[in-house]
Amino acid sequence: MPISVDIDVMLARRKMSVGELADRVGITPANLAVLKNGRAKAVRFATLAALCEVLRCQPGDLLRWEADDPAAEAVGAVGAVEAVEAAEAADG
């Protein structure tokens, strides 16, 4: 899956259990496990915000994109550079 979830990393850094995080965020331990193990199809912004508040982190600390194909990652980086250059040229 191209999106990796690093909740385990933040739990370890904060020395917090899955049960405690689930209680403090207001979701079931089962739903947190689905998210933590990368099996979730979606996550509500409210849930992401609550996770970040409790873990004192940014969304990028919990979620990251990984290319399935290393060539796709290189093309994506080039595309991002071109998009920034085009936006800068349009701004004048």
Protein backbone atom coordinates (compact mmCIF):
# COMPACT_ATOMS: atom_id res chain seq x y z
CA MET A 1 0.00 0.00 0.00
CA PRO A 2 1.44 3.39 -0.90
CA ILE A 3 0.39 5.04 2.38
CA SER A 4 2.24 3.78 5.46
CA VAL A 5 0.97 4.40 8.98
CA ASP A 6 3.56 5.07 11.70
CA ILE A 7 1.33 5.19 14.77
CA ASP A 8 3.52 2.51 16.40
CA VAL A 9 6.52 4.82 16.16
CA MET A 10 4.70 7.66 17.90
CA LEU A 11 3.25 5.32 20.53
CA ALA A 12 6.76 4.13 21.36
CA ARG A 13 8.10 7.70 21.50
CA ARG A 14 5.29 8.73 23.85
CA LYS A 15 5.48 5.48 25.87
CA MET A 16 1.74 5.01 25.40
CA SER A 17 -0.30 1.85 24.90
CA VAL A 18 -2.78 1.28 22.08
CA GLY A 19 -5.58 1.06 24.65
CA GLU A 20 -4.66 4.37 26.25
CA LEU A 21 -4.45 6.09 22.85
CA ALA A 22 -7.82 4.67 21.80
CA ASP A 23 -9.43 5.88 25.05
CA ARG A 24 -7.93 9.36 24.78
CA VAL A 25 -8.84 9.71 21.08
CA GLY A 26 -12.34 8.30 21.55
CA ILE A 27 -12.20 5.34 19.16
CA THR A 28 -12.32 1.63 19.82
CA PRO A 29 -9.07 -0.30 20.18
CA ALA A 30 -10.24 -2.46 17.24
CA ASN A 31 -10.64 0.58 14.96
CA LEU A 32 -7.28 1.93 16.07
CA ALA A 33 -5.71 -1.46 15.27
CA VAL A 34 -7.22 -1.36 11.76
CA LEU A 35 -5.70 2.09 11.22
CA LYS A 36 -2.39 1.21 12.87
CA ASN A 37 -1.94 -1.94 10.78
CA GLY A 38 -2.58 -0.15 7.49
CA ARG A 39 -5.89 -1.90 6.77
CA ALA A 40 -8.05 1.26 6.91
CA LYS A 41 -9.53 2.53 3.65
CA ALA A 42 -9.96 6.05 5.04
CA VAL A 43 -9.47 8.16 8.14
CA ARG A 44 -11.63 11.10 9.19
CA PHE A 45 -9.84 14.41 9.58
CA ALA A 46 -11.37 14.67 13.06
CA THR A 47 -9.79 11.34 14.02
CA LEU A 48 -6.45 12.36 12.53
CA ALA A 49 -6.60 15.67 14.39
CA ALA A 50 -7.41 13.87 17.66
CA LEU A 51 -4.52 11.45 17.15
CA CYS A 52 -2.17 14.37 16.52
CA GLU A 53 -3.43 16.25 19.56
CA VAL A 54 -3.02 13.29 21.90
CA LEU A 55 0.36 12.25 20.45
CA ARG A 56 1.56 15.88 20.13
CA CYS A 57 2.62 15.43 16.52
CA GLN A 58 1.84 16.43 12.93
CA PRO A 59 -0.13 14.29 10.43
CA GLY A 60 3.11 13.67 8.54
CA ASP A 61 4.50 11.99 11.65
CA LEU A 62 1.72 9.40 11.41
CA LEU A 63 1.26 8.99 7.65
CA ARG A 64 3.74 8.80 4.80
CA TRP A 65 3.59 7.94 1.13
CA GLU A 66 5.76 5.17 -0.29
CA ALA A 67 5.85 4.41 -4.00
CA ASP A 68 5.01 0.85 -5.00
CA ASP A 69 7.43 1.34 -7.90
CA PRO A 70 10.70 3.27 -7.32
CA ALA A 71 10.41 4.67 -10.86
CA ALA A 72 7.02 6.16 -9.98
CA GLU A 73 8.58 7.94 -7.01
CA ALA A 74 11.19 9.55 -9.27
CA VAL A 75 8.53 10.61 -11.78
CA GLY A 76 6.39 12.02 -8.96
CA ALA A 77 9.29 14.11 -7.68
CA VAL A 78 9.98 15.47 -11.15
CA GLY A 79 6.28 16.24 -11.62
CA ALA A 80 6.22 18.16 -8.34
CA VAL A 81 9.21 20.26 -9.37
CA GLU A 82 7.57 21.04 -12.72
CA ALA A 83 4.33 22.01 -10.97
CA VAL A 84 6.16 24.43 -8.66
CA GLU A 85 8.08 25.95 -11.57
CA ALA A 86 4.86 26.38 -13.56
CA ALA A 87 3.13 28.04 -10.60
CA GLU A 88 6.05 30.40 -10.09
CA ALA A 89 6.08 31.31 -13.79
CA ALA A 90 2.33 31.99 -13.70
CA ASP A 91 2.76 34.31 -10.69
CA GLY A 92 5.15 36.29 -12.76
